Amino acid sequence: MHQVILACPYCATKNRVPAGRIDVLCGKCKKPLYDLKTTQKAPARRGVGNIFLGFIRRLVLIAIVIAVPYFLSSVDFELPSPTDPIPAYTDAQKLAIKDAVMNKEKWDKQLIQSGLKAKGFYNGSIDGLIGPQTLEALYSAGEKFNYEPKDILRRVARWERNPTELFDGLYKALNMRTSEMWFVGRERRVAPFEVRTSSGQNYYVKLKDNRTGSDVLGLFIRGGESYKTKVPLGSYKMVYASGKDWYGELDELYFGPRTSFSKADKVLDFAAAGRRINGHTISLVRVKDGNLSTSGIDSKDF
């Protein structure tokens, strides 16, 4: 039998062992010897069963490759074919789209015009003025992409990928100082009302009559400042918009696309108790254990 000489990795003693054996011990220290050349495994030989399974796998893969295109061609994805006639909006549908876009604010109209322009349906000015050119562009876009009339304005507005950049190019921020912007009413203003704000953003605060929902008072307060005034006795809801740059009330731009709208969750009651008149001091500052909770609202509820 052929033998090899292995040096013990522990005591360096040379040992004569049969070739191919790996389960041998050093004759001196009795620790295992390892011959890396003899411990390599020979490649496994493939049996008839393995060859058959490989053949079956290949057949299945070929069947899948052939079947998938046929399956996809038979599925109706409900997408209009370029060769099919484009379904046209009815007169009633066109009227519904026109009414919807006309009721949008100026900025929303400009966003729609910009989206149409981005897709090549409109080449007019981004001015928020809705005329025949904008309407025809809307109808064409909706018909081409098979949009429902109730969805078309939302979908087209999303075609404008950089609304903030568009807004900044169309409008310039105003330099507004903390002040009372307007008051509606003839009642005596006897109840004290103060609003304190935190720095970082500016605030446009409104009081609404709790019974009628009509606007009573509007204040603009720069972040980190406060404002004191008086209001008539009564119950009011307080809502406010906040943001960094002020673009004004005209066309309801407020703080632009970044405007955040909120409301106080409780009604503010201003009442007389004997000779004392109860007022309110509101802090629009996040404080631990504060007694005024607020929640976000939609712009249409502002």
Protein backbone atom coordinates (compact mmCIF):
# COMPACT_ATOMS: atom_id res chain seq x y z
CA MET A 1 0.00 0.00 0.00
CA HIS A 2 1.31 3.44 -0.93
CA GLN A 3 2.16 5.62 2.05
CA VAL A 4 2.80 9.33 2.54
CA ILE A 5 4.69 11.19 5.22
CA LEU A 6 2.70 13.86 7.10
CA ALA A 7 4.11 16.34 9.58
CA CYS A 8 1.95 16.81 12.65
CA PRO A 9 0.65 20.42 12.76
CA TYR A 10 0.87 20.36 16.55
CA CYS A 11 4.26 18.76 17.42
CA ALA A 12 5.91 18.63 14.00
CA THR A 13 6.54 14.89 14.33
CA LYS A 14 6.72 13.13 10.96
CA ASN A 15 4.27 10.26 10.55
CA ARG A 16 4.05 7.57 7.83
CA VAL A 17 0.38 6.98 6.96
CA PRO A 18 -1.52 5.21 4.16
CA ALA A 19 -2.35 7.51 1.25
CA GLY A 20 -5.95 8.72 1.22
CA ARG A 21 -6.52 8.30 4.95
CA ILE A 22 -7.65 11.36 6.88
CA ASP A 23 -8.73 9.68 10.13
CA VAL A 24 -5.19 9.08 11.46
CA LEU A 25 -3.58 10.38 14.63
CA CYS A 26 -0.06 11.54 15.34
CA GLY A 27 2.00 8.72 16.81
CA LYS A 28 3.50 11.06 19.39
CA CYS A 29 0.83 13.57 20.53
CA LYS A 30 -2.19 11.53 19.41
CA LYS A 31 -3.78 14.52 17.67
CA PRO A 32 -5.35 14.28 14.19
CA LEU A 33 -3.30 14.71 11.05
CA TYR A 34 -4.72 16.40 7.96
CA ASP A 35 -3.55 16.12 4.40
CA LEU A 36 -5.39 18.78 2.41
CA LYS A 37 -4.52 17.08 -0.85
CA THR A 38 -6.33 13.93 0.21
CA THR A 39 -9.39 15.60 1.76
CA GLN A 40 -10.72 17.09 -1.52
CA LYS A 41 -13.93 15.45 -2.62
CA ALA A 42 -14.18 14.02 -6.07
CA PRO A 43 -16.95 15.54 -8.23
CA ALA A 44 -20.25 13.74 -7.83
CA ARG A 45 -21.27 11.60 -10.74
CA ARG A 46 -24.69 12.23 -12.20
CA GLY A 47 -26.99 9.25 -12.21
CA VAL A 48 -29.70 8.41 -14.72
CA GLY A 49 -32.36 9.86 -12.39
CA ASN A 50 -30.64 13.28 -12.20
CA ILE A 51 -30.24 13.40 -15.97
CA PHE A 52 -33.96 12.67 -16.42
CA LEU A 53 -35.00 15.39 -13.94
CA GLY A 54 -32.82 17.92 -15.74
CA PHE A 55 -34.47 17.01 -19.02
CA ILE A 56 -37.96 17.49 -17.50
CA ARG A 57 -37.00 20.91 -16.11
CA ARG A 58 -35.86 22.03 -19.55
CA LEU A 59 -39.14 20.90 -21.10
CA VAL A 60 -41.16 22.85 -18.49
CA LEU A 61 -39.09 26.00 -19.09
CA ILE A 62 -39.61 25.76 -22.85
CA ALA A 63 -43.37 25.32 -22.34
CA ILE A 64 -43.50 28.45 -20.16
CA VAL A 65 -41.58 30.54 -22.72
CA ILE A 66 -44.04 29.47 -25.43
CA ALA A 67 -47.20 29.89 -23.34
CA VAL A 68 -46.57 33.33 -21.76
CA PRO A 69 -46.78 35.41 -24.99
CA TYR A 70 -49.96 33.56 -25.97
CA PHE A 71 -51.49 34.22 -22.54
CA LEU A 72 -50.61 37.91 -22.57
CA SER A 73 -52.06 38.31 -26.06
CA SER A 74 -55.39 36.91 -24.87
CA VAL A 75 -55.69 39.20 -21.80
CA ASP A 76 -57.79 42.35 -22.13
CA PHE A 77 -55.99 45.14 -20.23
CA GLU A 78 -58.66 47.70 -21.14
CA LEU A 79 -56.16 49.99 -22.83
CA PRO A 80 -57.24 51.73 -26.01
CA SER A 81 -55.53 50.33 -29.10
CA PRO A 82 -53.79 52.90 -31.33
CA THR A 83 -55.84 51.61 -34.26
CA ASP A 84 -59.19 51.73 -32.43
CA PRO A 85 -61.33 54.87 -32.63
CA ILE A 86 -60.89 57.11 -29.58
CA PRO A 87 -64.12 57.34 -27.55
CA ALA A 88 -65.33 60.94 -27.53
CA TYR A 89 -66.90 62.74 -24.57
CA THR A 90 -70.58 63.48 -24.83
CA ASP A 91 -71.82 67.06 -24.61
CA ALA A 92 -72.97 66.39 -21.04
CA GLN A 93 -69.54 65.09 -20.08
CA LYS A 94 -67.83 68.09 -21.62
CA LEU A 95 -70.14 70.41 -19.71
CA ALA A 96 -69.33 68.61 -16.46
CA ILE A 97 -65.58 69.00 -17.11
CA LYS A 98 -66.03 72.68 -17.95
CA ASP A 99 -68.01 73.39 -14.78
CA ALA A 100 -65.44 71.55 -12.66
CA VAL A 101 -62.44 73.43 -14.02
CA MET A 102 -64.23 76.79 -13.85
CA ASN A 103 -64.84 76.25 -10.13
CA LYS A 104 -61.14 75.71 -9.47
CA GLU A 105 -58.93 78.41 -7.96
CA LYS A 106 -56.53 80.27 -10.23
CA TRP A 107 -53.49 78.29 -9.13
CA ASP A 108 -55.26 74.98 -9.73
CA LYS A 109 -56.18 76.15 -13.22
CA GLN A 110 -52.58 77.10 -13.92
CA LEU A 111 -51.43 73.69 -12.69
CA ILE A 112 -53.84 72.03 -15.13
CA GLN A 113 -52.67 74.23 -18.00
CA SER A 114 -49.05 73.41 -17.22
CA GLY A 115 -49.81 69.68 -17.12
CA LEU A 116 -51.51 69.88 -20.51
CA LYS A 117 -48.56 71.80 -21.88
CA ALA A 118 -46.10 69.22 -20.56
CA LYS A 119 -47.87 66.51 -22.60
CA GLY A 120 -48.19 68.62 -25.75
CA PHE A 121 -51.96 69.21 -25.64
CA TYR A 122 -51.74 72.96 -24.91
CA ASN A 123 -49.41 75.71 -26.10
CA GLY A 124 -51.06 78.79 -24.61
CA SER A 125 -50.16 80.91 -21.60
CA ILE A 126 -50.14 79.56 -18.06
CA ASP A 127 -52.45 82.32 -16.88
CA GLY A 128 -55.32 80.47 -15.18
CA LEU A 129 -57.81 81.84 -17.71
CA ILE A 130 -59.95 78.99 -19.00
CA GLY A 131 -61.03 79.51 -22.59
CA PRO A 132 -61.77 77.35 -25.64
CA GLN A 133 -58.10 76.43 -26.11
CA THR A 134 -57.71 75.04 -22.58
CA LEU A 135 -61.05 73.23 -22.72
CA GLU A 136 -60.31 71.58 -26.06
CA ALA A 137 -56.93 70.50 -24.73
CA LEU A 138 -58.64 68.95 -21.72
CA TYR A 139 -61.16 67.09 -23.86
CA SER A 140 -58.45 65.80 -26.20
CA ALA A 141 -56.26 64.61 -23.33
CA GLY A 142 -59.13 62.90 -21.55
CA GLU A 143 -60.35 61.16 -24.70
CA LYS A 144 -56.88 59.99 -25.68
CA PHE A 145 -56.16 58.43 -22.28
CA ASN A 146 -59.77 57.34 -21.72
CA TYR A 147 -60.09 59.29 -18.47
CA GLU A 148 -63.40 59.52 -16.66
CA PRO A 149 -64.67 63.14 -16.55
CA LYS A 150 -64.59 63.13 -12.74
CA ASP A 151 -60.89 62.12 -12.76
CA ILE A 152 -59.44 64.15 -15.60
CA LEU A 153 -58.56 67.34 -13.68
CA ARG A 154 -56.74 65.45 -10.94
CA ARG A 155 -54.84 63.30 -13.42
CA VAL A 156 -53.84 66.19 -15.71
CA ALA A 157 -52.63 68.30 -12.77
CA ARG A 158 -50.25 65.47 -11.85
CA TRP A 159 -48.56 65.79 -15.25
CA GLU A 160 -46.82 68.88 -13.87
CA ARG A 161 -43.83 67.27 -12.13
CA ASN A 162 -42.50 70.40 -10.36
CA PRO A 163 -45.50 72.38 -9.05
CA THR A 164 -43.43 74.24 -6.44
CA GLU A 165 -40.95 75.40 -9.07
CA LEU A 166 -43.84 76.45 -11.34
CA PHE A 167 -45.50 78.41 -8.54
CA ASP A 168 -42.29 80.23 -7.62
CA GLY A 169 -41.91 81.24 -11.26
CA LEU A 170 -45.44 82.64 -11.47
CA TYR A 171 -45.78 84.41 -8.11
CA LYS A 172 -43.65 86.57 -5.84
CA ALA A 173 -43.84 86.47 -2.06
CA LEU A 174 -45.17 89.55 -0.24
CA ASN A 175 -43.46 91.26 2.67
CA MET A 176 -46.26 91.19 5.25
CA ARG A 177 -46.03 92.38 8.83
CA THR A 178 -48.06 91.26 11.83
CA SER A 179 -51.41 93.07 11.65
CA GLU A 180 -55.19 92.81 11.60
CA MET A 181 -56.17 92.25 8.01
CA TRP A 182 -59.93 92.70 8.23
CA PHE A 183 -62.98 92.65 10.50
CA VAL A 184 -66.61 92.03 9.49
CA GLY A 185 -69.39 93.25 11.81
CA ARG A 186 -70.86 96.21 13.65
CA GLU A 187 -70.99 94.84 17.19
CA ARG A 188 -68.85 96.35 19.91
CA ARG A 189 -65.50 94.69 20.26
CA VAL A 190 -65.06 94.23 23.99
CA ALA A 191 -63.65 90.71 24.54
CA PRO A 192 -59.84 90.37 24.59
CA PHE A 193 -58.26 88.01 22.07
CA GLU A 194 -54.54 87.29 21.74
CA VAL A 195 -52.63 84.90 19.50
CA ARG A 196 -49.02 83.88 20.17
CA THR A 197 -46.98 81.99 17.61
CA SER A 198 -43.78 80.01 17.38
CA SER A 199 -40.94 80.92 15.04
CA GLY A 200 -40.21 79.03 11.85
CA GLN A 201 -43.43 79.79 9.93
CA ASN A 202 -46.04 82.53 9.60
CA TYR A 203 -49.76 82.33 10.34
CA TYR A 204 -53.01 83.60 8.86
CA VAL A 205 -55.67 83.25 11.57
CA LYS A 206 -59.44 83.56 11.06
CA LEU A 207 -62.36 83.59 13.47
CA LYS A 208 -65.66 82.31 12.11
CA ASP A 209 -69.10 82.76 13.64
CA ASN A 210 -69.90 79.40 15.22
CA ARG A 211 -73.57 79.58 14.24
CA THR A 212 -73.42 80.90 10.67
CA GLY A 213 -69.88 79.94 9.69
CA SER A 214 -69.26 83.42 8.27
CA ASP A 215 -65.85 85.08 8.60
CA VAL A 216 -65.52 87.67 11.38
CA LEU A 217 -61.82 88.44 11.88
CA GLY A 218 -58.58 87.91 9.96
CA LEU A 219 -55.07 88.28 11.40
CA PHE A 220 -51.62 87.87 9.89
CA ILE A 221 -48.98 87.01 12.47
CA ARG A 222 -45.32 86.49 11.72
CA GLY A 223 -43.68 83.50 13.34
CA GLY A 224 -42.41 84.18 16.83
CA GLU A 225 -44.65 87.25 17.28
CA SER A 226 -48.03 87.78 18.95
CA TYR A 227 -51.03 90.02 18.33
CA LYS A 228 -53.67 91.41 20.71
CA THR A 229 -57.10 92.68 19.70
CA LYS A 230 -60.75 92.61 20.80
CA VAL A 231 -63.77 90.83 19.35
CA PRO A 232 -67.54 91.04 19.92
CA LEU A 233 -69.10 88.73 22.48
CA GLY A 234 -70.09 85.40 20.99
CA SER A 235 -68.88 81.93 20.03
CA TYR A 236 -66.32 81.45 17.29
CA LYS A 237 -64.44 78.75 15.47
CA MET A 238 -60.78 79.41 14.86
CA VAL A 239 -59.03 78.22 11.70
CA TYR A 240 -55.58 79.10 10.48
CA ALA A 241 -53.22 78.65 7.58
CA SER A 242 -49.47 78.43 8.07
CA GLY A 243 -46.40 78.49 5.90
CA LYS A 244 -43.21 80.37 5.17
CA ASP A 245 -43.78 82.76 2.26
CA TRP A 246 -46.98 84.80 2.04
CA TYR A 247 -48.58 85.37 -1.37
CA GLY A 248 -51.79 87.07 -0.24
CA GLU A 249 -55.49 86.29 -0.01
CA LEU A 250 -56.18 87.13 -3.65
CA ASP A 251 -57.07 83.95 -5.54
CA GLU A 252 -56.63 82.17 -2.20
CA LEU A 253 -52.89 81.74 -2.72
CA TYR A 254 -52.03 82.11 1.00
CA PHE A 255 -48.63 80.42 1.50
CA GLY A 256 -48.61 78.75 -1.91
CA PRO A 257 -48.52 74.98 -2.50
CA ARG A 258 -46.85 74.52 0.89
CA THR A 259 -49.81 75.98 2.82
CA SER A 260 -50.97 73.92 5.80
CA PHE A 261 -54.56 74.35 7.01
CA SER A 262 -55.67 73.64 10.58
CA LYS A 263 -58.44 74.35 13.07
CA ALA A 264 -58.84 74.56 16.83
CA ASP A 265 -60.83 71.56 18.01
CA LYS A 266 -62.89 73.53 20.52
CA VAL A 267 -65.21 76.51 20.13
CA LEU A 268 -63.97 79.79 21.61
CA ASP A 269 -66.64 81.42 23.78
CA PHE A 270 -66.31 85.14 24.57
CA ALA A 271 -68.86 86.04 27.27
CA ALA A 272 -69.50 88.49 30.06
CA ALA A 273 -69.59 87.25 33.67
CA GLY A 274 -70.89 90.12 35.75
CA ARG A 275 -68.51 93.00 35.21
CA ARG A 276 -65.84 90.66 33.90
CA ILE A 277 -65.49 89.79 30.24
CA ASN A 278 -63.86 86.47 29.45
CA GLY A 279 -61.44 86.40 26.54
CA HIS A 280 -58.92 83.95 25.10
CA THR A 281 -55.17 83.79 24.63
CA ILE A 282 -54.19 81.23 22.02
CA SER A 283 -50.64 79.88 21.72
CA LEU A 284 -49.90 78.27 18.38
CA VAL A 285 -46.86 76.67 19.94
CA ARG A 286 -46.37 72.98 20.67
CA VAL A 287 -46.30 72.71 24.45
CA LYS A 288 -46.45 69.71 26.74
CA ASP A 289 -49.88 69.24 28.34
CA GLY A 290 -51.37 72.12 26.31
CA ASN A 291 -55.12 72.71 26.62
CA LEU A 292 -55.84 73.49 22.95
CA SER A 293 -55.79 70.64 20.47
CA THR A 294 -55.78 71.27 16.73
CA SER A 295 -56.31 69.15 13.64
CA GLY A 296 -55.70 69.52 9.92
CA ILE A 297 -58.48 70.55 7.54
CA ASP A 298 -59.00 70.76 3.80
CA SER A 299 -58.42 74.10 2.08
CA LYS A 300 -62.11 74.33 1.15
CA ASP A 301 -63.01 74.35 4.85
CA PHE A 302 -60.72 77.26 5.62
